[in-house]
PDB file of N, CA and C in Angstrom:
ATOM      1  N   MET A   1       2.516  11.075  23.082  1.00  0.00           N
ATOM      2  CA  MET A   1       3.075  11.132  21.739  1.00  0.00           C
ATOM      3  C   MET A   1       3.712  12.514  21.542  1.00  0.00           C
ATOM      4  N   THR A   2       4.930  12.517  21.039  1.00  0.00           N
ATOM      5  CA  THR A   2       5.635  13.782  20.829  1.00  0.00           C
ATOM      6  C   THR A   2       5.110  14.475  19.571  1.00  0.00           C
ATOM      7  N   PRO A   3       5.391  15.776  19.442  1.00  0.00           N
ATOM      8  CA  PRO A   3       4.973  16.472  18.223  1.00  0.00           C
ATOM      9  C   PRO A   3       5.529  15.828  16.949  1.00  0.00           C
ATOM     10  N   LEU A   4       6.780  15.393  16.995  1.00  0.00           N
ATOM     11  CA  LEU A   4       7.365  14.765  15.810  1.00  0.00           C
ATOM     12  C   LEU A   4       6.686  13.434  15.505  1.00  0.00           C
ATOM     13  N   GLU A   5       6.342  12.675  16.523  1.00  0.00           N
ATOM     14  CA  GLU A   5       5.630  11.411  16.302  1.00  0.00           C
ATOM     15  C   GLU A   5       4.259  11.666  15.681  1.00  0.00           C
ATOM     16  N   ARG A   6       3.550  12.693  16.149  1.00  0.00           N
ATOM     17  CA  ARG A   6       2.247  13.043  15.560  1.00  0.00           C
ATOM     18  C   ARG A   6       2.410  13.458  14.102  1.00  0.00           C
ATOM     19  N   LEU A   7       3.437  14.263  13.828  1.00  0.00           N
ATOM     20  CA  LEU A   7       3.692  14.702  12.457  1.00  0.00           C
ATOM     21  C   LEU A   7       4.027  13.516  11.561  1.00  0.00           C
ATOM     22  N   THR A   8       4.871  12.631  12.044  1.00  0.00           N
ATOM     23  CA  THR A   8       5.242  11.443  11.276  1.00  0.00           C
ATOM     24  C   THR A   8       4.015  10.586  10.986  1.00  0.00           C
ATOM     25  N   ASN A   9       3.185  10.379  11.988  1.00  0.00           N
ATOM     26  CA  ASN A   9       1.984   9.560  11.807  1.00  0.00           C
ATOM     27  C   ASN A   9       1.027  10.191  10.792  1.00  0.00           C
ATOM     28  N   SER A  10       0.830  11.496  10.886  1.00  0.00           N
ATOM     29  CA  SER A  10      -0.104  12.145   9.959  1.00  0.00           C
ATOM     30  C   SER A  10       0.456  12.193   8.536  1.00  0.00           C
ATOM     31  N   ASN A  11       1.772  12.179   8.404  1.00  0.00           N
ATOM     32  CA  ASN A  11       2.377  12.224   7.072  1.00  0.00           C
ATOM     33  C   ASN A  11       2.713  10.846   6.517  1.00  0.00           C
ATOM     34  N   THR A  12       2.398   9.808   7.250  1.00  0.00           N
ATOM     35  CA  THR A  12       2.591   8.452   6.727  1.00  0.00           C
ATOM     36  C   THR A  12       1.230   7.769   6.663  1.00  0.00           C
ATOM     37  N   LYS A  13       0.812   7.162   7.759  1.00  0.00           N
ATOM     38  CA  LYS A  13      -0.454   6.429   7.780  1.00  0.00           C
ATOM     39  C   LYS A  13      -1.648   7.346   7.529  1.00  0.00           C
ATOM     40  N   GLY A  14      -1.572   8.576   7.973  1.00  0.00           N
ATOM     41  CA  GLY A  14      -2.663   9.530   7.783  1.00  0.00           C
ATOM     42  C   GLY A  14      -2.830   9.977   6.346  1.00  0.00           C
ATOM     43  N   ASN A  15      -1.810   9.818   5.548  1.00  0.00           N
ATOM     44  CA  ASN A  15      -1.854  10.208   4.130  1.00  0.00           C
ATOM     45  C   ASN A  15      -1.344   9.071   3.259  1.00  0.00           C
ATOM     46  N   LEU A  16      -1.830   7.897   3.540  1.00  0.00           N
ATOM     47  CA  LEU A  16      -1.391   6.697   2.825  1.00  0.00           C
ATOM     48  C   LEU A  16      -1.621   6.806   1.325  1.00  0.00           C
ATOM     49  N   TRP A  17      -2.624   7.552   0.938  1.00  0.00           N
ATOM     50  CA  TRP A  17      -2.950   7.696  -0.488  1.00  0.00           C
ATOM     51  C   TRP A  17      -1.778   8.244  -1.286  1.00  0.00           C
ATOM     52  N   ILE A  18      -0.966   9.117  -0.680  1.00  0.00           N
ATOM     53  CA  ILE A  18       0.192   9.691  -1.382  1.00  0.00           C
ATOM     54  C   ILE A  18       1.185   8.581  -1.741  1.00  0.00           C
ATOM     55  N   TYR A  19       1.439   7.704  -0.799  1.00  0.00           N
ATOM     56  CA  TYR A  19       2.398   6.624  -1.008  1.00  0.00           C
ATOM     57  C   TYR A  19       1.868   5.605  -2.017  1.00  0.00           C
ATOM     58  N   ILE A  20       0.563   5.337  -1.948  1.00  0.00           N
ATOM     59  CA  ILE A  20      -0.040   4.405  -2.896  1.00  0.00           C
ATOM     60  C   ILE A  20       0.024   4.959  -4.314  1.00  0.00           C
ATOM     61  N   LEU A  21      -0.316   6.235  -4.484  1.00  0.00           N
ATOM     62  CA  LEU A  21      -0.230   6.835  -5.824  1.00  0.00           C
ATOM     63  C   LEU A  21       1.206   6.841  -6.332  1.00  0.00           C
ATOM     64  N   THR A  22       2.161   7.099  -5.455  1.00  0.00           N
ATOM     65  CA  THR A  22       3.569   7.100  -5.853  1.00  0.00           C
ATOM     66  C   THR A  22       3.981   5.720  -6.357  1.00  0.00           C
ATOM     67  N   ILE A  23       3.577   4.684  -5.658  1.00  0.00           N
ATOM     68  CA  ILE A  23       3.908   3.319  -6.079  1.00  0.00           C
ATOM     69  C   ILE A  23       3.240   2.998  -7.413  1.00  0.00           C
ATOM     70  N   LEU A  24       1.964   3.351  -7.540  1.00  0.00           N
ATOM     71  CA  LEU A  24       1.241   3.040  -8.769  1.00  0.00           C
ATOM     72  C   LEU A  24       1.748   3.850  -9.960  1.00  0.00           C
ATOM     73  N   LYS A  25       2.357   4.986  -9.687  1.00  0.00           N
ATOM     74  CA  LYS A  25       2.960   5.762 -10.783  1.00  0.00           C
ATOM     75  C   LYS A  25       4.094   4.956 -11.422  1.00  0.00           C
ATOM     76  N   GLY A  26       4.726   4.108 -10.641  1.00  0.00           N
ATOM     77  CA  GLY A  26       5.800   3.256 -11.148  1.00  0.00           C
ATOM     78  C   GLY A  26       5.311   2.009 -11.860  1.00  0.00           C
ATOM     79  N   GLY A  27       4.018   1.731 -11.775  1.00  0.00           N
ATOM     80  CA  GLY A  27       3.458   0.561 -12.440  1.00  0.00           C
ATOM     81  C   GLY A  27       2.297  -0.018 -11.653  1.00  0.00           C
ATOM     82  N   ALA A  28       1.484  -0.797 -12.310  1.00  0.00           N
ATOM     83  CA  ALA A  28       0.301  -1.399 -11.698  1.00  0.00           C
ATOM     84  C   ALA A  28       0.702  -2.372 -10.591  1.00  0.00           C
ATOM     85  N   ASN A  29      -0.154  -2.479  -9.582  1.00  0.00           N
ATOM     86  CA  ASN A  29       0.103  -3.387  -8.462  1.00  0.00           C
ATOM     87  C   ASN A  29      -1.197  -3.937  -7.907  1.00  0.00           C
ATOM     88  N   TYR A  30      -1.066  -5.063  -7.201  1.00  0.00           N
ATOM     89  CA  TYR A  30      -2.167  -5.630  -6.454  1.00  0.00           C
ATOM     90  C   TYR A  30      -2.195  -4.989  -5.066  1.00  0.00           C
ATOM     91  N   ALA A  31      -3.383  -4.819  -4.516  1.00  0.00           N
ATOM     92  CA  ALA A  31      -3.520  -4.203  -3.193  1.00  0.00           C
ATOM     93  C   ALA A  31      -2.777  -5.004  -2.128  1.00  0.00           C
ATOM     94  N   TRP A  32      -2.827  -6.320  -2.246  1.00  0.00           N
ATOM     95  CA  TRP A  32      -2.201  -7.167  -1.233  1.00  0.00           C
ATOM     96  C   TRP A  32      -0.695  -6.924  -1.134  1.00  0.00           C
ATOM     97  N   ASP A  33      -0.064  -6.527  -2.214  1.00  0.00           N
ATOM     98  CA  ASP A  33       1.387  -6.310  -2.222  1.00  0.00           C
ATOM     99  C   ASP A  33       1.798  -4.955  -1.644  1.00  0.00           C
ATOM    100  N   LEU A  34       0.857  -4.026  -1.536  1.00  0.00           N
ATOM    101  CA  LEU A  34       1.209  -2.652  -1.158  1.00  0.00           C
ATOM    102  C   LEU A  34       1.833  -2.500   0.228  1.00  0.00           C
ATOM    103  N   PRO A  35       1.339  -3.140   1.292  1.00  0.00           N
ATOM    104  CA  PRO A  35       2.000  -2.945   2.592  1.00  0.00           C
ATOM    105  C   PRO A  35       3.492  -3.270   2.579  1.00  0.00           C
ATOM    106  N   GLU A  36       3.854  -4.359   1.926  1.00  0.00           N
ATOM    107  CA  GLU A  36       5.266  -4.743   1.864  1.00  0.00           C
ATOM    108  C   GLU A  36       6.077  -3.745   1.030  1.00  0.00           C
ATOM    109  N   ILE A  37       5.529  -3.301  -0.077  1.00  0.00           N
ATOM    110  CA  ILE A  37       6.220  -2.327  -0.930  1.00  0.00           C
ATOM    111  C   ILE A  37       6.402  -1.012  -0.170  1.00  0.00           C
ATOM    112  N   ILE A  38       5.361  -0.578   0.532  1.00  0.00           N
ATOM    113  CA  ILE A  38       5.441   0.663   1.306  1.00  0.00           C
ATOM    114  C   ILE A  38       6.508   0.546   2.378  1.00  0.00           C
ATOM    115  N   GLU A  39       6.557  -0.591   3.051  1.00  0.00           N
ATOM    116  CA  GLU A  39       7.562  -0.779   4.088  1.00  0.00           C
ATOM    117  C   GLU A  39       8.979  -0.718   3.519  1.00  0.00           C
ATOM    118  N   LYS A  40       9.209  -1.383   2.394  1.00  0.00           N
ATOM    119  CA  LYS A  40      10.539  -1.386   1.785  1.00  0.00           C
ATOM    120  C   LYS A  40      10.933  -0.009   1.254  1.00  0.00           C
ATOM    121  N   LYS A  41       9.982   0.670   0.618  1.00  0.00           N
ATOM    122  CA  LYS A  41      10.302   1.927  -0.050  1.00  0.00           C
ATOM    123  C   LYS A  41      10.272   3.136   0.888  1.00  0.00           C
ATOM    124  N   PHE A  42       9.329   3.133   1.859  1.00  0.00           N
ATOM    125  CA  PHE A  42       9.119   4.327   2.682  1.00  0.00           C
ATOM    126  C   PHE A  42       9.393   4.133   4.166  1.00  0.00           C
ATOM    127  N   GLY A  43       9.648   2.898   4.606  1.00  0.00           N
ATOM    128  CA  GLY A  43      10.068   2.676   5.979  1.00  0.00           C
ATOM    129  C   GLY A  43       8.964   2.562   7.022  1.00  0.00           C
ATOM    130  N   PHE A  44       7.731   2.392   6.630  1.00  0.00           N
ATOM    131  CA  PHE A  44       6.652   2.120   7.582  1.00  0.00           C
ATOM    132  C   PHE A  44       5.708   1.121   6.938  1.00  0.00           C
ATOM    133  N   ARG A  45       4.953   0.426   7.764  1.00  0.00           N
ATOM    134  CA  ARG A  45       4.063  -0.608   7.230  1.00  0.00           C
ATOM    135  C   ARG A  45       2.628  -0.332   7.677  1.00  0.00           C
ATOM    136  N   PRO A  46       1.745  -0.071   6.709  1.00  0.00           N
ATOM    137  CA  PRO A  46       0.337   0.073   7.060  1.00  0.00           C
ATOM    138  C   PRO A  46      -0.278  -1.304   7.303  1.00  0.00           C
ATOM    139  N   GLY A  47      -1.470  -1.326   7.861  1.00  0.00           N
ATOM    140  CA  GLY A  47      -2.174  -2.594   8.041  1.00  0.00           C
ATOM    141  C   GLY A  47      -2.450  -3.245   6.693  1.00  0.00           C
ATOM    142  N   ASN A  48      -2.760  -4.523   6.721  1.00  0.00           N
ATOM    143  CA  ASN A  48      -2.996  -5.245   5.472  1.00  0.00           C
ATOM    144  C   ASN A  48      -4.300  -4.844   4.793  1.00  0.00           C
ATOM    145  N   ILE A  49      -5.293  -4.396   5.556  1.00  0.00           N
ATOM    146  CA  ILE A  49      -6.593  -4.042   4.996  1.00  0.00           C
ATOM    147  C   ILE A  49      -6.664  -2.565   4.603  1.00  0.00           C
ATOM    148  N   THR A  50      -5.928  -1.716   5.258  1.00  0.00           N
ATOM    149  CA  THR A  50      -5.994  -0.270   5.023  1.00  0.00           C
ATOM    150  C   THR A  50      -5.798   0.118   3.558  1.00  0.00           C
ATOM    151  N   PRO A  51      -4.828  -0.459   2.838  1.00  0.00           N
ATOM    152  CA  PRO A  51      -4.683  -0.085   1.427  1.00  0.00           C
ATOM    153  C   PRO A  51      -5.946  -0.341   0.599  1.00  0.00           C
ATOM    154  N   TYR A  52      -6.691  -1.383   0.939  1.00  0.00           N
ATOM    155  CA  TYR A  52      -7.936  -1.662   0.215  1.00  0.00           C
ATOM    156  C   TYR A  52      -8.927  -0.514   0.382  1.00  0.00           C
ATOM    157  N   ARG A  53      -9.052  -0.033   1.614  1.00  0.00           N
ATOM    158  CA  ARG A  53      -9.963   1.093   1.871  1.00  0.00           C
ATOM    159  C   ARG A  53      -9.519   2.340   1.117  1.00  0.00           C
ATOM    160  N   VAL A  54      -8.228   2.606   1.148  1.00  0.00           N
ATOM    161  CA  VAL A  54      -7.690   3.781   0.466  1.00  0.00           C
ATOM    162  C   VAL A  54      -7.883   3.642  -1.044  1.00  0.00           C
ATOM    163  N   LEU A  55      -7.603   2.480  -1.589  1.00  0.00           N
ATOM    164  CA  LEU A  55      -7.777   2.250  -3.031  1.00  0.00           C
ATOM    165  C   LEU A  55      -9.229   2.415  -3.452  1.00  0.00           C
ATOM    166  N   TYR A  56     -10.155   1.960  -2.620  1.00  0.00           N
ATOM    167  CA  TYR A  56     -11.573   2.121  -2.919  1.00  0.00           C
ATOM    168  C   TYR A  56     -11.912   3.603  -3.066  1.00  0.00           C
ATOM    169  N   LEU A  57     -11.440   4.414  -2.115  1.00  0.00           N
ATOM    170  CA  LEU A  57     -11.698   5.859  -2.177  1.00  0.00           C
ATOM    171  C   LEU A  57     -11.009   6.508  -3.367  1.00  0.00           C
ATOM    172  N   LEU A  58      -9.772   6.109  -3.641  1.00  0.00           N
ATOM    173  CA  LEU A  58      -9.049   6.663  -4.783  1.00  0.00           C
ATOM    174  C   LEU A  58      -9.740   6.328  -6.093  1.00  0.00           C
ATOM    175  N   GLU A  59     -10.268   5.123  -6.182  1.00  0.00           N
ATOM    176  CA  GLU A  59     -10.980   4.732  -7.401  1.00  0.00           C
ATOM    177  C   GLU A  59     -12.293   5.514  -7.526  1.00  0.00           C
ATOM    178  N   GLU A  60     -12.964   5.698  -6.399  1.00  0.00           N
ATOM    179  CA  GLU A  60     -14.202   6.478  -6.389  1.00  0.00           C
ATOM    180  C   GLU A  60     -13.954   7.913  -6.859  1.00  0.00           C
ATOM    181  N   GLN A  61     -12.772   8.452  -6.532  1.00  0.00           N
ATOM    182  CA  GLN A  61     -12.407   9.818  -6.910  1.00  0.00           C
ATOM    183  C   GLN A  61     -11.796   9.905  -8.301  1.00  0.00           C
ATOM    184  N   GLY A  62     -11.597   8.773  -8.956  1.00  0.00           N
ATOM    185  CA  GLY A  62     -11.042   8.761 -10.299  1.00  0.00           C
ATOM    186  C   GLY A  62      -9.528   8.869 -10.358  1.00  0.00           C
ATOM    187  N   LEU A  63      -8.857   8.647  -9.225  1.00  0.00           N
ATOM    188  CA  LEU A  63      -7.401   8.774  -9.196  1.00  0.00           C
ATOM    189  C   LEU A  63      -6.688   7.462  -9.536  1.00  0.00           C
ATOM    190  N   VAL A  64      -7.394   6.353  -9.375  1.00  0.00           N
ATOM    191  CA  VAL A  64      -6.894   5.043  -9.803  1.00  0.00           C
ATOM    192  C   VAL A  64      -8.033   4.305 -10.501  1.00  0.00           C
ATOM    193  N   LYS A  65      -7.658   3.283 -11.246  1.00  0.00           N
ATOM    194  CA  LYS A  65      -8.661   2.404 -11.839  1.00  0.00           C
ATOM    195  C   LYS A  65      -8.199   0.971 -11.600  1.00  0.00           C
ATOM    196  N   SER A  66      -9.167   0.076 -11.591  1.00  0.00           N
ATOM    197  CA  SER A  66      -8.817  -1.320 -11.332  1.00  0.00           C
ATOM    198  C   SER A  66      -9.405  -2.206 -12.415  1.00  0.00           C
ATOM    199  N   ALA A  67      -8.839  -3.388 -12.509  1.00  0.00           N
ATOM    200  CA  ALA A  67      -9.320  -4.400 -13.455  1.00  0.00           C
ATOM    201  C   ALA A  67      -8.969  -5.761 -12.891  1.00  0.00           C
ATOM    202  N   LEU A  68      -9.771  -6.747 -13.242  1.00  0.00           N
ATOM    203  CA  LEU A  68      -9.462  -8.107 -12.827  1.00  0.00           C
ATOM    204  C   LEU A  68      -8.399  -8.683 -13.741  1.00  0.00           C
ATOM    205  N   GLU A  69      -7.397  -9.272 -13.119  1.00  0.00           N
ATOM    206  CA  GLU A  69      -6.317  -9.914 -13.868  1.00  0.00           C
ATOM    207  C   GLU A  69      -6.004 -11.227 -13.158  1.00  0.00           C
ATOM    208  N   GLU A  70      -6.259 -12.305 -13.827  1.00  0.00           N
ATOM    209  CA  GLU A  70      -6.047 -13.629 -13.236  1.00  0.00           C
ATOM    210  C   GLU A  70      -6.755 -13.759 -11.886  1.00  0.00           C
ATOM    211  N   ARG A  71      -8.011 -13.378 -11.841  1.00  0.00           N
ATOM    212  CA  ARG A  71      -8.877 -13.460 -10.665  1.00  0.00           C
ATOM    213  C   ARG A  71      -8.441 -12.573  -9.511  1.00  0.00           C
ATOM    214  N   ARG A  72      -7.540 -11.661  -9.762  1.00  0.00           N
ATOM    215  CA  ARG A  72      -7.108 -10.693  -8.740  1.00  0.00           C
ATOM    216  C   ARG A  72      -7.293  -9.298  -9.309  1.00  0.00           C
ATOM    217  N   ARG A  73      -7.609  -8.366  -8.445  1.00  0.00           N
ATOM    218  CA  ARG A  73      -7.808  -6.980  -8.866  1.00  0.00           C
ATOM    219  C   ARG A  73      -6.472  -6.257  -8.865  1.00  0.00           C
ATOM    220  N   ILE A  74      -6.151  -5.651  -9.992  1.00  0.00           N
ATOM    221  CA  ILE A  74      -4.908  -4.889 -10.127  1.00  0.00           C
ATOM    222  C   ILE A  74      -5.267  -3.419 -10.283  1.00  0.00           C
ATOM    223  N   TYR A  75      -4.448  -2.563  -9.693  1.00  0.00           N
ATOM    224  CA  TYR A  75      -4.724  -1.127  -9.681  1.00  0.00           C
ATOM    225  C   TYR A  75      -3.671  -0.364 -10.468  1.00  0.00           C
ATOM    226  N   LYS A  76      -4.155   0.658 -11.190  1.00  0.00           N
ATOM    227  CA  LYS A  76      -3.283   1.532 -11.973  1.00  0.00           C
ATOM    228  C   LYS A  76      -3.661   2.970 -11.689  1.00  0.00           C
ATOM    229  N   ILE A  77      -2.680   3.847 -11.725  1.00  0.00           N
ATOM    230  CA  ILE A  77      -2.941   5.268 -11.529  1.00  0.00           C
ATOM    231  C   ILE A  77      -3.531   5.847 -12.818  1.00  0.00           C
ATOM    232  N   THR A  78      -4.410   6.808 -12.670  1.00  0.00           N
ATOM    233  CA  THR A  78      -5.012   7.489 -13.822  1.00  0.00           C
ATOM    234  C   THR A  78      -4.283   8.805 -14.065  1.00  0.00           C
ATOM    235  N   PRO A  79      -4.522   9.450 -15.196  1.00  0.00           N
ATOM    236  CA  PRO A  79      -3.943  10.780 -15.410  1.00  0.00           C
ATOM    237  C   PRO A  79      -4.340  11.770 -14.304  1.00  0.00           C
ATOM    238  N   GLN A  80      -5.560  11.655 -13.803  1.00  0.00           N
ATOM    239  CA  GLN A  80      -5.979  12.520 -12.683  1.00  0.00           C
ATOM    240  C   GLN A  80      -5.155  12.227 -11.440  1.00  0.00           C
ATOM    241  N   GLY A  81      -4.840  10.950 -11.220  1.00  0.00           N
ATOM    242  CA  GLY A  81      -4.024  10.569 -10.075  1.00  0.00           C
ATOM    243  C   GLY A  81      -2.616  11.136 -10.174  1.00  0.00           C
ATOM    244  N   ILE A  82      -2.056  11.102 -11.370  1.00  0.00           N
ATOM    245  CA  ILE A  82      -0.724  11.676 -11.586  1.00  0.00           C
ATOM    246  C   ILE A  82      -0.753  13.179 -11.332  1.00  0.00           C
ATOM    247  N   GLU A  83      -1.794  13.837 -11.800  1.00  0.00           N
ATOM    248  CA  GLU A  83      -1.942  15.277 -11.584  1.00  0.00           C
ATOM    249  C   GLU A  83      -2.052  15.597 -10.088  1.00  0.00           C
ATOM    250  N   GLU A  84      -2.815  14.801  -9.367  1.00  0.00           N
ATOM    251  CA  GLU A  84      -2.976  15.013  -7.926  1.00  0.00           C
ATOM    252  C   GLU A  84      -1.654  14.800  -7.194  1.00  0.00           C
ATOM    253  N   LEU A  85      -0.893  13.822  -7.610  1.00  0.00           N
ATOM    254  CA  LEU A  85       0.408  13.555  -7.013  1.00  0.00           C
ATOM    255  C   LEU A  85       1.363  14.721  -7.248  1.00  0.00           C
ATOM    256  N   GLU A  86       1.311  15.317  -8.415  1.00  0.00           N
ATOM    257  CA  GLU A  86       2.141  16.496  -8.698  1.00  0.00           C
ATOM    258  C   GLU A  86       1.751  17.674  -7.801  1.00  0.00           C
ATOM    259  N   LYS A  87       0.471  17.828  -7.533  1.00  0.00           N
ATOM    260  CA  LYS A  87       0.000  18.883  -6.619  1.00  0.00           C
ATOM    261  C   LYS A  87       0.557  18.663  -5.213  1.00  0.00           C
ATOM    262  N   VAL A  88       0.596  17.408  -4.785  1.00  0.00           N
ATOM    263  CA  VAL A  88       1.136  17.076  -3.465  1.00  0.00           C
ATOM    264  C   VAL A  88       2.613  17.452  -3.399  1.00  0.00           C
ATOM    265  N   LYS A  89       3.358  17.107  -4.432  1.00  0.00           N
ATOM    266  CA  LYS A  89       4.785  17.444  -4.454  1.00  0.00           C
ATOM    267  C   LYS A  89       4.996  18.943  -4.365  1.00  0.00           C
ATOM    268  N   LYS A  90       4.209  19.699  -5.108  1.00  0.00           N
ATOM    269  CA  LYS A  90       4.316  21.162  -5.064  1.00  0.00           C
ATOM    270  C   LYS A  90       3.962  21.698  -3.688  1.00  0.00           C
ATOM    271  N   PHE A  91       2.935  21.115  -3.063  1.00  0.00           N
ATOM    272  CA  PHE A  91       2.540  21.541  -1.722  1.00  0.00           C
ATOM    273  C   PHE A  91       3.674  21.338  -0.730  1.00  0.00           C
ATOM    274  N   TYR A  92       4.255  20.123  -0.714  1.00  0.00           N
ATOM    275  CA  TYR A  92       5.336  19.837   0.227  1.00  0.00           C
ATOM    276  C   TYR A  92       6.575  20.678  -0.062  1.00  0.00           C
ATOM    277  N   GLN A  93       6.887  20.903  -1.331  1.00  0.00           N
ATOM    278  CA  GLN A  93       8.040  21.734  -1.664  1.00  0.00           C
ATOM    279  C   GLN A  93       7.824  23.165  -1.192  1.00  0.00           C
ATOM    280  N   SER A  94       6.635  23.676  -1.398  1.00  0.00           N
ATOM    281  CA  SER A  94       6.302  25.023  -0.931  1.00  0.00           C
ATOM    282  C   SER A  94       6.405  25.125   0.591  1.00  0.00           C
ATOM    283  N   LEU A  95       5.911  24.104   1.268  1.00  0.00           N
ATOM    284  CA  LEU A  95       5.986  24.088   2.727  1.00  0.00           C
ATOM    285  C   LEU A  95       7.428  24.058   3.199  1.00  0.00           C
ATOM    286  N   LEU A  96       8.261  23.221   2.571  1.00  0.00           N
ATOM    287  CA  LEU A  96       9.671  23.159   2.944  1.00  0.00           C
ATOM    288  C   LEU A  96      10.373  24.501   2.707  1.00  0.00           C
ATOM    289  N   ASN A  97      10.044  25.150   1.593  1.00  0.00           N
ATOM    290  CA  ASN A  97      10.641  26.453   1.317  1.00  0.00           C
ATOM    291  C   ASN A  97      10.251  27.475   2.373  1.00  0.00           C
ATOM    292  N   LYS A  98       9.032  27.419   2.860  1.00  0.00           N
ATOM    293  CA  LYS A  98       8.568  28.350   3.899  1.00  0.00           C
ATOM    294  C   LYS A  98       9.218  28.076   5.242  1.00  0.00           C
ATOM    295  N   LEU A  99       9.588  26.816   5.487  1.00  0.00           N
ATOM    296  CA  LEU A  99      10.205  26.460   6.768  1.00  0.00           C
ATOM    297  C   LEU A  99      11.672  26.874   6.831  1.00  0.00           C
ATOM    298  N   ASP A 100      12.290  27.133   5.687  1.00  0.00           N
ATOM    299  CA  ASP A 100      13.713  27.543   5.677  1.00  0.00           C
ATOM    300  C   ASP A 100      13.894  28.982   6.049  1.00  0.00           C
TER     301      ASP A 100
END
């Protein structure tokens, strides 16, 4: 695996929570729909089960909340999740500025 492939993997599948929070910032979604949305919006496709694991951890940390809607669990970002997403953006922007 090349250095760029390792970097790409760690910044996509390795940090899936960033992409999930970004999607949920745009509106509530079902976990089952996330792999397809991620593929369309970000150009890679996580496994079908992985988003469930990530959502469980995000909910445990208070970054998302879920509710049953028509017998399916729907996820929404919390104010803490939005704040965490803003921190990520600042981190990446700072890193890009340092690389220039």
